[in-house]
Amino acid sequence: MLPTLFALNAAYRLAFDNWGLARNQYLQYKTEATRQAAISATRQLLPARNVLWKTYLQATLKPRPT
């Protein structure tokens, strides 16, 4: 499970870095192309974050045997 979390975290970090770059370019230039790039980066970031959190929570919140 740990290698999976490392891989998902790497994918999330890449998506986050791309989002940050696209966001900053949009805030600097305010063009339609940079706006579309920021939207596209956001659409890649959110699923990557959700998959990482879902996998992490499934790995850590397993029910305890009774």
N, C-alpha and C. Protein backbone atom coordinates (compact mmCIF):
# COMPACT_ATOMS: atom_id res chain seq x y z
N MET A 1 0.82 -1.20 0.00
CA MET A 1 0.00 0.00 0.00
C MET A 1 0.87 1.26 0.00
N LEU A 2 1.99 1.20 0.71
CA LEU A 2 2.85 2.38 0.80
C LEU A 2 3.40 2.83 -0.56
N PRO A 3 3.87 1.90 -1.42
CA PRO A 3 4.32 2.36 -2.75
C PRO A 3 3.20 3.03 -3.55
N THR A 4 1.97 2.56 -3.38
CA THR A 4 0.84 3.18 -4.06
C THR A 4 0.65 4.62 -3.59
N LEU A 5 0.76 4.83 -2.28
CA LEU A 5 0.61 6.18 -1.76
C LEU A 5 1.73 7.09 -2.25
N PHE A 6 2.95 6.56 -2.34
CA PHE A 6 4.06 7.37 -2.85
C PHE A 6 3.80 7.76 -4.31
N ALA A 7 3.33 6.82 -5.10
CA ALA A 7 3.06 7.11 -6.51
C ALA A 7 1.92 8.12 -6.65
N LEU A 8 0.87 7.95 -5.85
CA LEU A 8 -0.25 8.89 -5.91
C LEU A 8 0.17 10.27 -5.44
N ASN A 9 1.04 10.32 -4.42
CA ASN A 9 1.52 11.61 -3.95
C ASN A 9 2.36 12.30 -5.02
N ALA A 10 3.16 11.54 -5.73
CA ALA A 10 3.97 12.12 -6.81
C ALA A 10 3.07 12.67 -7.91
N ALA A 11 2.01 11.94 -8.24
CA ALA A 11 1.07 12.42 -9.26
C ALA A 11 0.35 13.68 -8.78
N TYR A 12 -0.01 13.71 -7.49
CA TYR A 12 -0.67 14.88 -6.94
C TYR A 12 0.26 16.09 -6.94
N ARG A 13 1.52 15.89 -6.54
CA ARG A 13 2.48 17.00 -6.51
C ARG A 13 2.70 17.57 -7.92
N LEU A 14 2.77 16.69 -8.91
CA LEU A 14 2.94 17.15 -10.29
C LEU A 14 1.72 17.98 -10.72
N ALA A 15 0.53 17.48 -10.42
CA ALA A 15 -0.69 18.21 -10.77
C ALA A 15 -0.75 19.54 -10.02
N PHE A 16 -0.33 19.54 -8.75
CA PHE A 16 -0.35 20.77 -7.95
C PHE A 16 0.63 21.80 -8.51
N ASP A 17 1.81 21.34 -8.89
CA ASP A 17 2.80 22.26 -9.46
C ASP A 17 2.31 22.84 -10.78
N ASN A 18 1.70 22.00 -11.61
CA ASN A 18 1.15 22.49 -12.88
C ASN A 18 0.03 23.49 -12.65
N TRP A 19 -0.80 23.22 -11.65
CA TRP A 19 -1.89 24.13 -11.31
C TRP A 19 -1.35 25.48 -10.84
N GLY A 20 -0.34 25.43 -9.97
CA GLY A 20 0.25 26.67 -9.47
C GLY A 20 0.84 27.51 -10.59
N LEU A 21 1.53 26.87 -11.51
CA LEU A 21 2.11 27.59 -12.65
C LEU A 21 1.01 28.20 -13.52
N ALA A 22 -0.01 27.42 -13.83
CA ALA A 22 -1.11 27.92 -14.67
C ALA A 22 -1.85 29.05 -13.97
N ARG A 23 -2.08 28.92 -12.68
CA ARG A 23 -2.78 29.95 -11.92
C ARG A 23 -1.97 31.25 -11.93
N ASN A 24 -0.68 31.15 -11.67
CA ASN A 24 0.16 32.35 -11.64
C ASN A 24 0.23 33.02 -13.01
N GLN A 25 0.29 32.21 -14.07
CA GLN A 25 0.31 32.80 -15.41
C GLN A 25 -1.00 33.51 -15.70
N TYR A 26 -2.11 32.92 -15.27
CA TYR A 26 -3.40 33.58 -15.49
C TYR A 26 -3.47 34.90 -14.71
N LEU A 27 -3.04 34.86 -13.44
CA LEU A 27 -3.09 36.08 -12.64
C LEU A 27 -2.18 37.17 -13.20
N GLN A 28 -1.10 36.77 -13.84
CA GLN A 28 -0.17 37.75 -14.41
C GLN A 28 -0.66 38.31 -15.74
N TYR A 29 -1.14 37.43 -16.63
CA TYR A 29 -1.46 37.86 -17.99
C TYR A 29 -2.94 38.07 -18.26
N LYS A 30 -3.81 37.38 -17.54
CA LYS A 30 -5.27 37.54 -17.67
C LYS A 30 -5.77 37.41 -19.11
N THR A 31 -5.29 36.40 -19.82
CA THR A 31 -5.77 36.15 -21.18
C THR A 31 -6.69 34.94 -21.16
N GLU A 32 -7.43 34.77 -22.22
CA GLU A 32 -8.33 33.62 -22.33
C GLU A 32 -7.55 32.32 -22.36
N ALA A 33 -6.40 32.32 -23.03
CA ALA A 33 -5.59 31.09 -23.11
C ALA A 33 -5.06 30.69 -21.74
N THR A 34 -4.62 31.67 -20.95
CA THR A 34 -4.12 31.32 -19.61
C THR A 34 -5.26 30.92 -18.69
N ARG A 35 -6.44 31.51 -18.90
CA ARG A 35 -7.60 31.11 -18.11
C ARG A 35 -7.98 29.66 -18.40
N GLN A 36 -7.98 29.29 -19.67
CA GLN A 36 -8.30 27.91 -20.04
C GLN A 36 -7.25 26.94 -19.50
N ALA A 37 -5.99 27.35 -19.51
CA ALA A 37 -4.93 26.50 -18.97
C ALA A 37 -5.12 26.30 -17.47
N ALA A 38 -5.53 27.35 -16.76
CA ALA A 38 -5.76 27.24 -15.32
C ALA A 38 -6.96 26.33 -15.04
N ILE A 39 -7.99 26.42 -15.84
CA ILE A 39 -9.16 25.55 -15.67
C ILE A 39 -8.77 24.10 -15.92
N SER A 40 -8.01 23.87 -16.96
CA SER A 40 -7.56 22.51 -17.28
C SER A 40 -6.69 21.95 -16.16
N ALA A 41 -5.80 22.77 -15.62
CA ALA A 41 -4.94 22.32 -14.53
C ALA A 41 -5.77 22.00 -13.28
N THR A 42 -6.80 22.79 -13.03
CA THR A 42 -7.67 22.53 -11.89
C THR A 42 -8.41 21.22 -12.07
N ARG A 43 -8.85 20.95 -13.29
CA ARG A 43 -9.56 19.69 -13.57
C ARG A 43 -8.65 18.48 -13.45
N GLN A 44 -7.35 18.66 -13.54
CA GLN A 44 -6.41 17.57 -13.32
C GLN A 44 -6.04 17.46 -11.85
N LEU A 45 -6.01 18.59 -11.15
CA LEU A 45 -5.61 18.60 -9.75
C LEU A 45 -6.64 17.95 -8.84
N LEU A 46 -7.90 18.28 -9.02
CA LEU A 46 -8.92 17.81 -8.09
C LEU A 46 -9.06 16.29 -8.06
N PRO A 47 -9.12 15.60 -9.21
CA PRO A 47 -9.19 14.13 -9.14
C PRO A 47 -7.93 13.51 -8.53
N ALA A 48 -6.76 14.10 -8.81
CA ALA A 48 -5.52 13.57 -8.23
C ALA A 48 -5.56 13.69 -6.71
N ARG A 49 -6.05 14.81 -6.21
CA ARG A 49 -6.17 15.00 -4.77
C ARG A 49 -7.18 14.04 -4.16
N ASN A 50 -8.30 13.89 -4.82
CA ASN A 50 -9.35 13.02 -4.29
C ASN A 50 -8.91 11.56 -4.24
N VAL A 51 -8.23 11.09 -5.27
CA VAL A 51 -7.76 9.71 -5.28
C VAL A 51 -6.72 9.49 -4.19
N LEU A 52 -5.82 10.46 -4.01
CA LEU A 52 -4.80 10.35 -2.97
C LEU A 52 -5.45 10.27 -1.60
N TRP A 53 -6.39 11.16 -1.31
CA TRP A 53 -7.05 11.16 -0.01
C TRP A 53 -7.87 9.90 0.20
N LYS A 54 -8.59 9.47 -0.80
CA LYS A 54 -9.41 8.27 -0.67
C LYS A 54 -8.53 7.06 -0.37
N THR A 55 -7.43 6.91 -1.09
CA THR A 55 -6.53 5.79 -0.87
C THR A 55 -5.89 5.87 0.51
N TYR A 56 -5.48 7.06 0.91
CA TYR A 56 -4.87 7.24 2.23
C TYR A 56 -5.85 6.88 3.34
N LEU A 57 -7.07 7.37 3.23
CA LEU A 57 -8.06 7.09 4.27
C LEU A 57 -8.43 5.61 4.31
N GLN A 58 -8.52 4.97 3.16
CA GLN A 58 -8.80 3.54 3.15
C GLN A 58 -7.67 2.75 3.80
N ALA A 59 -6.44 3.20 3.64
CA ALA A 59 -5.29 2.50 4.20
C ALA A 59 -5.19 2.71 5.71
N THR A 60 -5.60 3.86 6.19
CA THR A 60 -5.39 4.18 7.60
C THR A 60 -6.63 3.97 8.46
N LEU A 61 -7.80 3.97 7.88
CA LEU A 61 -9.02 3.88 8.68
C LEU A 61 -9.70 2.53 8.55
N LYS A 62 -8.89 1.48 8.44
CA LYS A 62 -9.49 0.15 8.34
C LYS A 62 -10.15 -0.19 9.68
N PRO A 63 -11.29 -0.86 9.64
CA PRO A 63 -11.94 -1.22 10.90
C PRO A 63 -11.07 -2.19 11.69
N ARG A 64 -11.07 -2.01 12.98
CA ARG A 64 -10.29 -2.88 13.85
C ARG A 64 -11.05 -4.18 14.09
N PRO A 65 -10.32 -5.28 14.11
CA PRO A 65 -11.01 -6.56 14.38
C PRO A 65 -11.53 -6.58 15.82
N THR A 66 -12.70 -7.16 15.99
CA THR A 66 -13.27 -7.22 17.34
C THR A 66 -13.24 -8.62 17.89
